[in-house]
């Protein structure tokens, strides 16, 4: 019988990110590591750090706004006033960075960020100027020193978290040089070509390894040995040489994932606890521009899925009633099956999710069935009103002529809608985006919120260009 040595591990999800959500990845990894006997502290730094900055500049008004957004008795006008407080206080923060707390988003772009390693190193060199430095040095570093962990892992999902995350890594490495500092998250899967850049090795002064694939197995493997060479899907430095370990050839079965841990030191900005769940490893669709699941060990392959029985069991284990399903899409038939399973078990739960805009929603009955199953909000990738563009981008199931009816059907059924629009799609004139204006005028009453983004390309590990 092999006896595992208990390790002390901290997992941090740094600023800036959505404070309305709990990070699904580190919450799952926390549970997995604890199941193996390790002592794990997780930190929702994206919430704690933002609140730290706002409190410094807004004082009592921020405290009251935070109380309002977490109070189940608050009214819509109370929430509106609280959000306006966050906007006002964040706008007054003296910084060269682009920083603001918006109604349903936290905007943060470091003045140093331009996509180059040189500017990234410069940001770390001037870390005392970063707006989150006081939070890191005054809160997270004392906690880390008190625990003295074997491993300190930092999840970086996108560009907003990159510079703050690496500043935190550099502080931990300076204060606790014996601690193994790991950075991971979906961001790294989208920049794999950078690993062979001559300057990339300079970053290893501030951390010991990068996990560029799913973190489940690399973190389990790393916790066993504390050696990056033993972990799949990991980049590390061996002398002057950068080594890139291949991803696992046996991806984690989603049916085996535990319920997420929810003790990250802060509550999300919600009156109740709303766990984030991954039930599928990557999307069944293959839109030409999407890199959301580029870090999945089965990216562009057949996804691994939880059964409806497993999803229901996980929901029940959390004891919560509302959930965010983080999968890129939660197909209609899976939602209906989950609703039936929850009903069979006598457990009431509702969820928000991402959903593809298929003709299956053209009739009102399907939307009504989704509501009865438990769906209360969907995020829809409308992208463009040009059918030709959709076909070029391998999103053939979208039919713009059905958008308005589908939005109405969902709203009539009681399901809130958030829509994504993309400008600058290849081959599409920029002025074509103006077509959205009359569309929104005609159907805007059925839309709760809108996110319009620009088309940006990255590259995955096989050279396929994706957004």
Foldseek 3Di string as FASTA:
>chain_A
DDDFDAFEEEEEAADAWFLQADDAQVLLLQVVSVVSPYHYAYADRNNVLLLVLLCVQPPPLLVLLLCQLQAPPHDPVSVVSSQVSQQVRQVPDDAPWDFGRHSGITDTAHPQDDPDVVSLVVCLVVVVRDSSSCVLVVPVQVVCVVRVGQEYEYEDAANRCSSVRLNSLQSNCVVRVNRAYEYEYQHLQQAVVCLPPLCPVVSVNRHFKYQNARPNQQVVQCSRPVDNVRGANMWGDDPSDIDGHHHDPDFDALQPGAQGHDRNPDARSHNDHAHEDEFKQADPACFQADCNNLRGPQVVHDIHGHALLSVLVSVVVVVDAEYEYEYQACELVRLLRNLVNCVVVVHHHAYEYEHEDACVLLDLVSLLSSVSSHYAEYEYELAAQDCVLCVVRRNNRRHNVSVQSSLVSNVVSNHAYEYEYEADRPPDDRCRVVVVVVVCVVRVVSHDYYHYYYRDWTAGPVGRIHD
